[in-house]
Amino acid sequence: MTVETTGRRSDASVLLVPLLIGAAVAVALGVYGRLHEPTNIAVNVAGFSGPRAVKAWLATGATLLALVQLGSALVMYGKVPGVRGPSWIGTLHRWSGRFAFLLAVPVAMHCLYALGVQSYDTRVLVHSLLGCAFFGAFTVKMLILSKKGVPGWALPLFGGLVFTGLVGLWLTSSLWFFTTFGVTR
């Protein structure tokens, strides 16, 4: 670890602990999902045809909110030419992220507990690995949000990884469900 003349840790070393914790989360989820005997007990919500439909729609909601996150982040950081961010954009960004996470957690819990990490099919293996990586990247992003001395590129990078992971999860689950079984509740 290097120390600058101001006594602060260098930018790169500030990321070390969050990266280690995020990696530990991803690995722990993968190990648990692989070693845990799947229960096939599923989360179901009244009004839906079954657990797969619930998961597909919750994941779709989380992904739509992630699009709000992406758009609001681009506006907040001045990346949309000619658009000046309104005063409420930060609040929109934070709350859309909170709601996206709240929608994603029951899906992840169901996937891990009822199904575990599976590898019988390429789509399923990619989905399982993306799920672990997503929560690892999400952990890093949340840990660096309030840290001082974080390099300017780190938050957009991990925010982008979280967004990309969620979209990948949606493509390998909800899109597959909707194209295989139809857009049903």
N, C-alpha and C. Protein backbone atom coordinates (compact mmCIF):
# COMPACT_ATOMS: atom_id res chain seq x y z
N MET A 1 0.85 -1.16 0.00
CA MET A 1 0.00 0.00 0.00
C MET A 1 0.90 1.23 0.00
N THR A 2 0.63 2.13 -0.89
CA THR A 2 1.43 3.35 -0.94
C THR A 2 0.69 4.47 -0.24
N VAL A 3 1.46 5.39 0.27
CA VAL A 3 0.87 6.54 0.96
C VAL A 3 1.33 7.80 0.25
N GLU A 4 0.35 8.64 -0.09
CA GLU A 4 0.68 9.92 -0.70
C GLU A 4 1.16 10.88 0.39
N THR A 5 1.70 12.02 -0.03
CA THR A 5 2.21 12.98 0.94
C THR A 5 1.11 13.53 1.84
N THR A 6 -0.15 13.43 1.41
CA THR A 6 -1.25 13.93 2.24
C THR A 6 -1.66 12.93 3.30
N GLY A 7 -1.08 11.73 3.26
CA GLY A 7 -1.43 10.73 4.24
C GLY A 7 -2.55 9.80 3.78
N ARG A 8 -3.16 10.08 2.62
CA ARG A 8 -4.22 9.22 2.11
C ARG A 8 -3.62 8.04 1.36
N ARG A 9 -4.36 6.95 1.33
CA ARG A 9 -3.93 5.82 0.53
C ARG A 9 -4.05 6.18 -0.94
N SER A 10 -3.23 5.52 -1.76
CA SER A 10 -3.32 5.79 -3.20
C SER A 10 -4.66 5.31 -3.73
N ASP A 11 -5.09 5.86 -4.85
CA ASP A 11 -6.38 5.53 -5.43
C ASP A 11 -6.57 4.04 -5.63
N ALA A 12 -5.57 3.36 -6.15
CA ALA A 12 -5.72 1.93 -6.46
C ALA A 12 -5.89 1.10 -5.19
N SER A 13 -5.19 1.42 -4.14
CA SER A 13 -5.28 0.62 -2.92
C SER A 13 -6.63 0.76 -2.23
N VAL A 14 -7.34 1.84 -2.48
CA VAL A 14 -8.66 2.06 -1.90
C VAL A 14 -9.64 1.00 -2.41
N LEU A 15 -9.38 0.46 -3.58
CA LEU A 15 -10.27 -0.53 -4.18
C LEU A 15 -10.00 -1.95 -3.70
N LEU A 16 -8.86 -2.17 -3.09
CA LEU A 16 -8.44 -3.53 -2.75
C LEU A 16 -9.45 -4.26 -1.85
N VAL A 17 -9.82 -3.67 -0.74
CA VAL A 17 -10.75 -4.33 0.19
C VAL A 17 -12.12 -4.54 -0.45
N PRO A 18 -12.73 -3.53 -1.09
CA PRO A 18 -14.01 -3.79 -1.76
C PRO A 18 -13.91 -4.89 -2.82
N LEU A 19 -12.82 -4.91 -3.58
CA LEU A 19 -12.65 -5.96 -4.59
C LEU A 19 -12.55 -7.34 -3.95
N LEU A 20 -11.82 -7.45 -2.85
CA LEU A 20 -11.69 -8.73 -2.16
C LEU A 20 -13.04 -9.18 -1.59
N ILE A 21 -13.77 -8.25 -1.02
CA ILE A 21 -15.08 -8.59 -0.46
C ILE A 21 -16.04 -9.00 -1.58
N GLY A 22 -16.04 -8.24 -2.68
CA GLY A 22 -16.90 -8.58 -3.82
C GLY A 22 -16.56 -9.95 -4.39
N ALA A 23 -15.27 -10.24 -4.51
CA ALA A 23 -14.85 -11.56 -5.00
C ALA A 23 -15.29 -12.65 -4.03
N ALA A 24 -15.18 -12.39 -2.74
CA ALA A 24 -15.61 -13.37 -1.74
C ALA A 24 -17.11 -13.63 -1.83
N VAL A 25 -17.89 -12.58 -2.05
CA VAL A 25 -19.34 -12.74 -2.21
C VAL A 25 -19.65 -13.61 -3.43
N ALA A 26 -19.02 -13.30 -4.55
CA ALA A 26 -19.26 -14.06 -5.78
C ALA A 26 -18.88 -15.53 -5.61
N VAL A 27 -17.72 -15.77 -5.03
CA VAL A 27 -17.26 -17.15 -4.83
C VAL A 27 -18.15 -17.87 -3.82
N ALA A 28 -18.51 -17.20 -2.73
CA ALA A 28 -19.37 -17.83 -1.72
C ALA A 28 -20.72 -18.22 -2.31
N LEU A 29 -21.31 -17.35 -3.11
CA LEU A 29 -22.59 -17.68 -3.74
C LEU A 29 -22.43 -18.87 -4.68
N GLY A 30 -21.36 -18.87 -5.45
CA GLY A 30 -21.11 -19.98 -6.37
C GLY A 30 -20.90 -21.30 -5.65
N VAL A 31 -20.10 -21.27 -4.60
CA VAL A 31 -19.84 -22.49 -3.83
C VAL A 31 -21.13 -22.98 -3.16
N TYR A 32 -21.85 -22.06 -2.52
CA TYR A 32 -23.12 -22.46 -1.90
C TYR A 32 -24.07 -23.04 -2.94
N GLY A 33 -24.22 -22.33 -4.06
CA GLY A 33 -25.14 -22.79 -5.10
C GLY A 33 -24.77 -24.13 -5.69
N ARG A 34 -23.48 -24.42 -5.72
CA ARG A 34 -23.02 -25.70 -6.29
C ARG A 34 -23.12 -26.83 -5.27
N LEU A 35 -22.83 -26.54 -4.01
CA LEU A 35 -22.82 -27.60 -3.00
C LEU A 35 -24.20 -27.85 -2.38
N HIS A 36 -25.02 -26.80 -2.35
CA HIS A 36 -26.37 -26.91 -1.77
C HIS A 36 -27.22 -27.84 -2.63
N GLU A 37 -27.91 -28.74 -1.99
CA GLU A 37 -28.83 -29.63 -2.70
C GLU A 37 -30.08 -28.82 -3.05
N PRO A 38 -30.36 -28.60 -4.34
CA PRO A 38 -31.54 -27.81 -4.72
C PRO A 38 -32.82 -28.40 -4.13
N THR A 39 -33.67 -27.53 -3.63
CA THR A 39 -34.90 -27.97 -2.97
C THR A 39 -36.08 -28.04 -3.94
N ASN A 40 -35.98 -27.33 -5.05
CA ASN A 40 -37.08 -27.20 -6.01
C ASN A 40 -38.31 -26.56 -5.38
N ILE A 41 -38.15 -26.00 -4.19
CA ILE A 41 -39.23 -25.24 -3.56
C ILE A 41 -39.12 -23.83 -4.09
N ALA A 42 -40.20 -23.34 -4.65
CA ALA A 42 -40.14 -22.10 -5.38
C ALA A 42 -40.94 -20.98 -4.74
N VAL A 43 -40.52 -19.77 -5.06
CA VAL A 43 -41.26 -18.57 -4.68
C VAL A 43 -42.41 -18.43 -5.66
N ASN A 44 -43.60 -18.25 -5.15
CA ASN A 44 -44.73 -18.03 -6.04
C ASN A 44 -45.55 -16.87 -5.50
N VAL A 45 -46.18 -16.17 -6.40
CA VAL A 45 -46.99 -15.02 -6.03
C VAL A 45 -48.36 -15.20 -6.68
N ALA A 46 -49.41 -14.94 -5.92
CA ALA A 46 -50.76 -15.06 -6.45
C ALA A 46 -50.91 -14.21 -7.70
N GLY A 47 -51.60 -14.75 -8.68
CA GLY A 47 -51.83 -14.02 -9.92
C GLY A 47 -50.87 -14.42 -11.04
N PHE A 48 -49.83 -15.18 -10.69
CA PHE A 48 -48.88 -15.65 -11.69
C PHE A 48 -49.10 -17.14 -11.92
N SER A 49 -48.76 -17.59 -13.12
CA SER A 49 -48.98 -18.99 -13.48
C SER A 49 -48.03 -19.93 -12.76
N GLY A 50 -46.91 -19.42 -12.27
CA GLY A 50 -45.96 -20.28 -11.57
C GLY A 50 -44.70 -19.52 -11.22
N PRO A 51 -43.77 -20.19 -10.55
CA PRO A 51 -42.55 -19.53 -10.09
C PRO A 51 -41.68 -18.97 -11.22
N ARG A 52 -41.64 -19.66 -12.35
CA ARG A 52 -40.82 -19.14 -13.45
C ARG A 52 -41.37 -17.81 -13.96
N ALA A 53 -42.68 -17.70 -14.02
CA ALA A 53 -43.29 -16.43 -14.46
C ALA A 53 -43.00 -15.32 -13.46
N VAL A 54 -43.09 -15.64 -12.17
CA VAL A 54 -42.79 -14.65 -11.14
C VAL A 54 -41.36 -14.15 -11.32
N LYS A 55 -40.42 -15.08 -11.45
CA LYS A 55 -39.02 -14.71 -11.61
C LYS A 55 -38.80 -13.88 -12.88
N ALA A 56 -39.44 -14.28 -13.97
CA ALA A 56 -39.26 -13.56 -15.23
C ALA A 56 -39.75 -12.11 -15.11
N TRP A 57 -40.89 -11.93 -14.48
CA TRP A 57 -41.43 -10.58 -14.36
C TRP A 57 -40.68 -9.73 -13.33
N LEU A 58 -40.28 -10.33 -12.22
CA LEU A 58 -39.48 -9.57 -11.24
C LEU A 58 -38.15 -9.15 -11.86
N ALA A 59 -37.52 -10.06 -12.59
CA ALA A 59 -36.25 -9.73 -13.25
C ALA A 59 -36.45 -8.68 -14.33
N THR A 60 -37.58 -8.73 -15.02
CA THR A 60 -37.87 -7.71 -16.03
C THR A 60 -38.04 -6.34 -15.37
N GLY A 61 -38.73 -6.30 -14.24
CA GLY A 61 -38.88 -5.05 -13.51
C GLY A 61 -37.53 -4.51 -13.05
N ALA A 62 -36.69 -5.39 -12.52
CA ALA A 62 -35.35 -4.97 -12.08
C ALA A 62 -34.53 -4.44 -13.25
N THR A 63 -34.65 -5.08 -14.39
CA THR A 63 -33.89 -4.64 -15.58
C THR A 63 -34.40 -3.30 -16.09
N LEU A 64 -35.70 -3.11 -16.09
CA LEU A 64 -36.25 -1.80 -16.50
C LEU A 64 -35.78 -0.70 -15.55
N LEU A 65 -35.75 -1.00 -14.26
CA LEU A 65 -35.25 -0.02 -13.31
C LEU A 65 -33.75 0.22 -13.49
N ALA A 66 -33.03 -0.80 -13.92
CA ALA A 66 -31.60 -0.62 -14.22
C ALA A 66 -31.41 0.31 -15.41
N LEU A 67 -32.34 0.28 -16.35
CA LEU A 67 -32.28 1.23 -17.47
C LEU A 67 -32.50 2.66 -16.96
N VAL A 68 -33.39 2.82 -15.98
CA VAL A 68 -33.58 4.12 -15.34
C VAL A 68 -32.28 4.54 -14.66
N GLN A 69 -31.64 3.59 -13.99
CA GLN A 69 -30.35 3.86 -13.34
C GLN A 69 -29.32 4.34 -14.35
N LEU A 70 -29.22 3.66 -15.48
CA LEU A 70 -28.26 4.04 -16.51
C LEU A 70 -28.55 5.44 -17.03
N GLY A 71 -29.80 5.68 -17.38
CA GLY A 71 -30.17 7.00 -17.90
C GLY A 71 -29.94 8.11 -16.90
N SER A 72 -30.32 7.88 -15.65
CA SER A 72 -30.15 8.92 -14.64
C SER A 72 -28.67 9.16 -14.33
N ALA A 73 -27.86 8.10 -14.36
CA ALA A 73 -26.42 8.27 -14.13
C ALA A 73 -25.80 9.09 -15.25
N LEU A 74 -26.20 8.81 -16.48
CA LEU A 74 -25.66 9.58 -17.61
C LEU A 74 -26.03 11.06 -17.50
N VAL A 75 -27.26 11.32 -17.07
CA VAL A 75 -27.68 12.71 -16.89
C VAL A 75 -26.94 13.36 -15.72
N MET A 76 -26.84 12.63 -14.59
CA MET A 76 -26.17 13.18 -13.40
C MET A 76 -24.73 13.56 -13.69
N TYR A 77 -24.05 12.76 -14.48
CA TYR A 77 -22.63 13.00 -14.74
C TYR A 77 -22.39 13.79 -16.02
N GLY A 78 -23.46 14.41 -16.56
CA GLY A 78 -23.31 15.30 -17.69
C GLY A 78 -22.90 14.62 -18.99
N LYS A 79 -23.28 13.37 -19.17
CA LYS A 79 -22.90 12.62 -20.37
C LYS A 79 -23.95 12.66 -21.47
N VAL A 80 -25.06 13.36 -21.22
CA VAL A 80 -26.09 13.53 -22.24
C VAL A 80 -26.01 14.98 -22.72
N PRO A 81 -25.50 15.19 -23.93
CA PRO A 81 -25.32 16.56 -24.43
C PRO A 81 -26.64 17.35 -24.43
N GLY A 82 -26.55 18.57 -23.95
CA GLY A 82 -27.69 19.46 -23.96
C GLY A 82 -28.72 19.20 -22.89
N VAL A 83 -28.48 18.23 -22.01
CA VAL A 83 -29.43 17.92 -20.95
C VAL A 83 -28.80 18.27 -19.61
N ARG A 84 -29.44 19.17 -18.93
CA ARG A 84 -28.99 19.53 -17.59
C ARG A 84 -29.84 18.78 -16.58
N GLY A 85 -29.20 18.09 -15.68
CA GLY A 85 -29.91 17.25 -14.72
C GLY A 85 -30.78 18.05 -13.78
N PRO A 86 -32.04 17.66 -13.65
CA PRO A 86 -32.92 18.32 -12.67
C PRO A 86 -32.48 17.98 -11.25
N SER A 87 -32.95 18.73 -10.31
CA SER A 87 -32.53 18.55 -8.92
C SER A 87 -32.92 17.18 -8.35
N TRP A 88 -33.94 16.57 -8.91
CA TRP A 88 -34.43 15.29 -8.39
C TRP A 88 -33.76 14.07 -9.03
N ILE A 89 -32.83 14.26 -9.95
CA ILE A 89 -32.25 13.12 -10.67
C ILE A 89 -31.48 12.17 -9.75
N GLY A 90 -30.79 12.72 -8.76
CA GLY A 90 -30.07 11.87 -7.81
C GLY A 90 -31.01 11.00 -7.00
N THR A 91 -32.12 11.57 -6.59
CA THR A 91 -33.13 10.82 -5.85
C THR A 91 -33.72 9.71 -6.71
N LEU A 92 -34.02 10.03 -7.96
CA LEU A 92 -34.52 9.02 -8.89
C LEU A 92 -33.51 7.89 -9.05
N HIS A 93 -32.24 8.25 -9.18
CA HIS A 93 -31.19 7.26 -9.35
C HIS A 93 -31.11 6.33 -8.14
N ARG A 94 -31.09 6.90 -6.96
CA ARG A 94 -30.98 6.09 -5.74
C ARG A 94 -32.19 5.18 -5.54
N TRP A 95 -33.40 5.71 -5.71
CA TRP A 95 -34.60 4.92 -5.45
C TRP A 95 -34.84 3.87 -6.53
N SER A 96 -34.51 4.18 -7.77
CA SER A 96 -34.66 3.15 -8.81
C SER A 96 -33.70 2.01 -8.55
N GLY A 97 -32.51 2.31 -8.03
CA GLY A 97 -31.56 1.27 -7.68
C GLY A 97 -32.03 0.43 -6.51
N ARG A 98 -32.60 1.09 -5.53
CA ARG A 98 -33.12 0.36 -4.36
C ARG A 98 -34.24 -0.60 -4.77
N PHE A 99 -35.16 -0.09 -5.59
CA PHE A 99 -36.28 -0.93 -6.02
C PHE A 99 -35.80 -2.06 -6.94
N ALA A 100 -34.83 -1.77 -7.79
CA ALA A 100 -34.27 -2.83 -8.65
C ALA A 100 -33.67 -3.94 -7.79
N PHE A 101 -32.94 -3.55 -6.77
CA PHE A 101 -32.34 -4.54 -5.87
C PHE A 101 -33.41 -5.35 -5.15
N LEU A 102 -34.46 -4.65 -4.67
CA LEU A 102 -35.54 -5.35 -3.98
C LEU A 102 -36.25 -6.36 -4.88
N LEU A 103 -36.33 -6.07 -6.17
CA LEU A 103 -36.93 -7.02 -7.11
C LEU A 103 -35.98 -8.17 -7.43
N ALA A 104 -34.68 -7.89 -7.43
CA ALA A 104 -33.69 -8.92 -7.80
C ALA A 104 -33.44 -9.93 -6.68
N VAL A 105 -33.56 -9.52 -5.44
CA VAL A 105 -33.22 -10.41 -4.32
C VAL A 105 -34.11 -11.66 -4.28
N PRO A 106 -35.45 -11.56 -4.38
CA PRO A 106 -36.24 -12.81 -4.34
C PRO A 106 -35.92 -13.73 -5.51
N VAL A 107 -35.59 -13.15 -6.65
CA VAL A 107 -35.22 -13.97 -7.81
C VAL A 107 -33.93 -14.73 -7.51
N ALA A 108 -32.95 -14.02 -6.97
CA ALA A 108 -31.67 -14.66 -6.65
C ALA A 108 -31.84 -15.71 -5.56
N MET A 109 -32.63 -15.41 -4.55
CA MET A 109 -32.86 -16.38 -3.47
C MET A 109 -33.50 -17.65 -4.02
N HIS A 110 -34.48 -17.46 -4.89
CA HIS A 110 -35.13 -18.62 -5.49
C HIS A 110 -34.14 -19.42 -6.33
N CYS A 111 -33.38 -18.72 -7.15
CA CYS A 111 -32.42 -19.41 -8.01
C CYS A 111 -31.41 -20.20 -7.18
N LEU A 112 -30.86 -19.57 -6.17
CA LEU A 112 -29.85 -20.24 -5.34
C LEU A 112 -30.44 -21.38 -4.53
N TYR A 113 -31.54 -21.13 -3.86
CA TYR A 113 -32.10 -22.11 -2.93
C TYR A 113 -32.82 -23.25 -3.66
N ALA A 114 -33.67 -22.89 -4.61
CA ALA A 114 -34.48 -23.92 -5.27
C ALA A 114 -33.72 -24.64 -6.38
N LEU A 115 -32.81 -23.95 -7.05
CA LEU A 115 -32.16 -24.53 -8.22
C LEU A 115 -30.66 -24.74 -8.08
N GLY A 116 -30.00 -23.87 -7.35
CA GLY A 116 -28.55 -23.96 -7.18
C GLY A 116 -27.82 -23.56 -8.46
N VAL A 117 -26.51 -23.69 -8.43
CA VAL A 117 -25.69 -23.41 -9.62
C VAL A 117 -25.72 -24.67 -10.47
N GLN A 118 -26.19 -24.53 -11.68
CA GLN A 118 -26.35 -25.67 -12.59
C GLN A 118 -25.44 -25.50 -13.81
N SER A 119 -25.10 -26.64 -14.43
CA SER A 119 -24.23 -26.58 -15.62
C SER A 119 -24.67 -27.55 -16.71
N TYR A 120 -25.92 -28.00 -16.67
CA TYR A 120 -26.40 -28.98 -17.64
C TYR A 120 -26.63 -28.40 -19.03
N ASP A 121 -26.59 -27.09 -19.15
CA ASP A 121 -26.86 -26.41 -20.41
C ASP A 121 -26.03 -25.13 -20.42
N THR A 122 -25.54 -24.72 -21.58
CA THR A 122 -24.70 -23.53 -21.66
C THR A 122 -25.43 -22.29 -21.14
N ARG A 123 -26.68 -22.11 -21.52
CA ARG A 123 -27.45 -20.95 -21.07
C ARG A 123 -27.55 -20.94 -19.55
N VAL A 124 -27.83 -22.08 -18.96
CA VAL A 124 -28.00 -22.19 -17.52
C VAL A 124 -26.66 -21.95 -16.80
N LEU A 125 -25.58 -22.48 -17.33
CA LEU A 125 -24.26 -22.26 -16.73
C LEU A 125 -23.89 -20.78 -16.79
N VAL A 126 -24.07 -20.15 -17.94
CA VAL A 126 -23.77 -18.73 -18.08
C VAL A 126 -24.63 -17.92 -17.10
N HIS A 127 -25.90 -18.29 -16.99
CA HIS A 127 -26.80 -17.59 -16.07
C HIS A 127 -26.33 -17.74 -14.62
N SER A 128 -25.95 -18.94 -14.24
CA SER A 128 -25.47 -19.18 -12.87
C SER A 128 -24.22 -18.37 -12.57
N LEU A 129 -23.27 -18.38 -13.49
CA LEU A 129 -22.02 -17.62 -13.28
C LEU A 129 -22.27 -16.12 -13.27
N LEU A 130 -23.14 -15.66 -14.17
CA LEU A 130 -23.49 -14.23 -14.19
C LEU A 130 -24.15 -13.79 -12.88
N GLY A 131 -24.99 -14.64 -12.32
CA GLY A 131 -25.65 -14.30 -11.06
C GLY A 131 -24.65 -14.09 -9.95
N CYS A 132 -23.68 -14.98 -9.86
CA CYS A 132 -22.63 -14.84 -8.83
C CYS A 132 -21.81 -13.57 -9.08
N ALA A 133 -21.41 -13.36 -10.33
CA ALA A 133 -20.60 -12.19 -10.69
C ALA A 133 -21.39 -10.90 -10.45
N PHE A 134 -22.68 -10.91 -10.78
CA PHE A 134 -23.52 -9.73 -10.58
C PHE A 134 -23.51 -9.29 -9.12
N PHE A 135 -23.75 -10.22 -8.20
CA PHE A 135 -23.80 -9.84 -6.79
C PHE A 135 -22.42 -9.47 -6.25
N GLY A 136 -21.36 -10.06 -6.81
CA GLY A 136 -20.01 -9.63 -6.45
C GLY A 136 -19.74 -8.20 -6.89
N ALA A 137 -20.09 -7.89 -8.14
CA ALA A 137 -19.89 -6.53 -8.67
C ALA A 137 -20.78 -5.53 -7.93
N PHE A 138 -22.01 -5.94 -7.61
CA PHE A 138 -22.91 -5.07 -6.87
C PHE A 138 -22.32 -4.73 -5.49
N THR A 139 -21.74 -5.73 -4.85
CA THR A 139 -21.11 -5.52 -3.55
C THR A 139 -19.98 -4.50 -3.65
N VAL A 140 -19.13 -4.65 -4.66
CA VAL A 140 -18.03 -3.70 -4.85
C VAL A 140 -18.58 -2.30 -5.07
N LYS A 141 -19.58 -2.18 -5.95
CA LYS A 141 -20.15 -0.86 -6.24
C LYS A 141 -20.69 -0.21 -4.98
N MET A 142 -21.41 -0.95 -4.18
CA MET A 142 -21.99 -0.37 -2.97
C MET A 142 -20.90 0.02 -1.96
N LEU A 143 -19.84 -0.77 -1.89
CA LEU A 143 -18.77 -0.47 -0.93
C LEU A 143 -17.94 0.75 -1.34
N ILE A 144 -17.82 1.02 -2.64
CA ILE A 144 -17.00 2.17 -3.06
C ILE A 144 -17.78 3.47 -3.15
N LEU A 145 -19.11 3.39 -3.05
CA LEU A 145 -19.93 4.60 -3.19
C LEU A 145 -19.51 5.72 -2.23
N SER A 146 -19.28 5.39 -0.99
CA SER A 146 -19.00 6.44 -0.01
C SER A 146 -17.53 6.51 0.39
N LYS A 147 -16.69 5.70 -0.26
CA LYS A 147 -15.26 5.74 0.08
C LYS A 147 -14.59 6.97 -0.50
N LYS A 148 -13.71 7.54 0.26
CA LYS A 148 -12.92 8.68 -0.22
C LYS A 148 -11.69 8.16 -0.95
N GLY A 149 -11.25 8.88 -1.96
CA GLY A 149 -10.04 8.52 -2.70
C GLY A 149 -10.24 7.48 -3.77
N VAL A 150 -11.48 7.12 -4.08
CA VAL A 150 -11.76 6.14 -5.13
C VAL A 150 -11.50 6.81 -6.48
N PRO A 151 -10.77 6.14 -7.37
CA PRO A 151 -10.52 6.73 -8.69
C PRO A 151 -11.84 7.05 -9.40
N GLY A 152 -11.84 8.10 -10.19
CA GLY A 152 -13.05 8.54 -10.88
C GLY A 152 -13.63 7.50 -11.83
N TRP A 153 -12.82 6.61 -12.33
CA TRP A 153 -13.29 5.59 -13.28
C TRP A 153 -13.96 4.41 -12.59
N ALA A 154 -13.76 4.24 -11.28
CA ALA A 154 -14.20 3.03 -10.59
C ALA A 154 -15.72 2.91 -10.50
N LEU A 155 -16.40 3.97 -10.10
CA LEU A 155 -17.85 3.88 -9.96
C LEU A 155 -18.54 3.63 -11.30
N PRO A 156 -18.19 4.36 -12.36
CA PRO A 156 -18.81 4.03 -13.66
C PRO A 156 -18.48 2.60 -14.13
N LEU A 157 -17.27 2.14 -13.85
CA LEU A 157 -16.89 0.79 -14.24
C LEU A 157 -17.75 -0.24 -13.52
N PHE A 158 -17.86 -0.14 -12.20
CA PHE A 158 -18.62 -1.13 -11.46
C PHE A 158 -20.12 -0.96 -11.65
N GLY A 159 -20.57 0.28 -11.82
CA GLY A 159 -21.97 0.48 -12.19
C GLY A 159 -22.28 -0.17 -13.53
N GLY A 160 -21.36 -0.02 -14.48
CA GLY A 160 -21.52 -0.65 -15.79
C GLY A 160 -21.49 -2.17 -15.70
N LEU A 161 -20.63 -2.70 -14.85
CA LEU A 161 -20.58 -4.16 -14.67
C LEU A 161 -21.88 -4.68 -14.05
N VAL A 162 -22.40 -3.95 -13.08
CA VAL A 162 -23.67 -4.35 -12.47
C VAL A 162 -24.78 -4.31 -13.52
N PHE A 163 -24.84 -3.24 -14.29
CA PHE A 163 -25.87 -3.12 -15.34
C PHE A 163 -25.73 -4.23 -16.37
N THR A 164 -24.51 -4.46 -16.84
CA THR A 164 -24.26 -5.49 -17.84
C THR A 164 -24.61 -6.87 -17.29
N GLY A 165 -24.25 -7.12 -16.04
CA GLY A 165 -24.58 -8.40 -15.42
C GLY A 165 -26.08 -8.62 -15.33
N LEU A 166 -26.81 -7.58 -14.94
CA LEU A 166 -28.26 -7.71 -14.81
C LEU A 166 -28.91 -7.93 -16.18
N VAL A 167 -28.45 -7.21 -17.18
CA VAL A 167 -28.99 -7.41 -18.53
C VAL A 167 -28.66 -8.83 -19.01
N GLY A 168 -27.45 -9.30 -18.75
CA GLY A 168 -27.09 -10.67 -19.11
C GLY A 168 -27.97 -11.69 -18.40
N LEU A 169 -28.24 -11.44 -17.13
CA LEU A 169 -29.13 -12.33 -16.38
C LEU A 169 -30.53 -12.33 -16.99
N TRP A 170 -31.01 -11.15 -17.35
CA TRP A 170 -32.33 -11.05 -17.96
C TRP A 170 -32.38 -11.79 -19.29
N LEU A 171 -31.33 -11.62 -20.10
CA LEU A 171 -31.29 -12.29 -21.40
C LEU A 171 -31.28 -13.81 -21.27
N THR A 172 -30.58 -14.31 -20.24
CA THR A 172 -30.45 -15.76 -20.08
C THR A 172 -31.57 -16.37 -19.24
N SER A 173 -32.50 -15.54 -18.78
CA SER A 173 -33.61 -16.08 -17.98
C SER A 173 -34.96 -15.58 -18.48
N SER A 174 -35.24 -14.31 -18.26
CA SER A 174 -36.56 -13.77 -18.62
C SER A 174 -36.81 -13.81 -20.12
N LEU A 175 -35.85 -13.36 -20.90
CA LEU A 175 -36.04 -13.40 -22.36
C LEU A 175 -36.24 -14.84 -22.81
N TRP A 176 -35.44 -15.75 -22.27
CA TRP A 176 -35.59 -17.17 -22.59
C TRP A 176 -36.99 -17.64 -22.21
N PHE A 177 -37.44 -17.28 -21.02
CA PHE A 177 -38.78 -17.69 -20.56
C PHE A 177 -39.85 -17.16 -21.50
N PHE A 178 -39.78 -15.85 -21.81
CA PHE A 178 -40.81 -15.23 -22.65
C PHE A 178 -40.82 -15.80 -24.06
N THR A 179 -39.66 -16.12 -24.61
CA THR A 179 -39.61 -16.68 -25.97
C THR A 179 -39.94 -18.17 -25.99
N THR A 180 -39.78 -18.85 -24.86
CA THR A 180 -40.08 -20.28 -24.79
C THR A 180 -41.53 -20.53 -24.41
N PHE A 181 -42.05 -19.79 -23.43
CA PHE A 181 -43.39 -20.04 -22.91
C PHE A 181 -44.40 -18.94 -23.26
N GLY A 182 -43.93 -17.85 -23.84
CA GLY A 182 -44.80 -16.74 -24.17
C GLY A 182 -44.82 -15.71 -23.05
N VAL A 183 -45.32 -14.56 -23.37
CA VAL A 183 -45.37 -13.47 -22.38
C VAL A 183 -46.67 -13.66 -21.59
N THR A 184 -46.53 -14.45 -20.52
CA THR A 184 -47.68 -14.77 -19.68
C THR A 184 -47.38 -14.36 -18.25
N ARG A 185 -48.44 -14.30 -17.48
CA ARG A 185 -48.27 -14.06 -16.05
C ARG A 185 -48.35 -15.40 -15.42
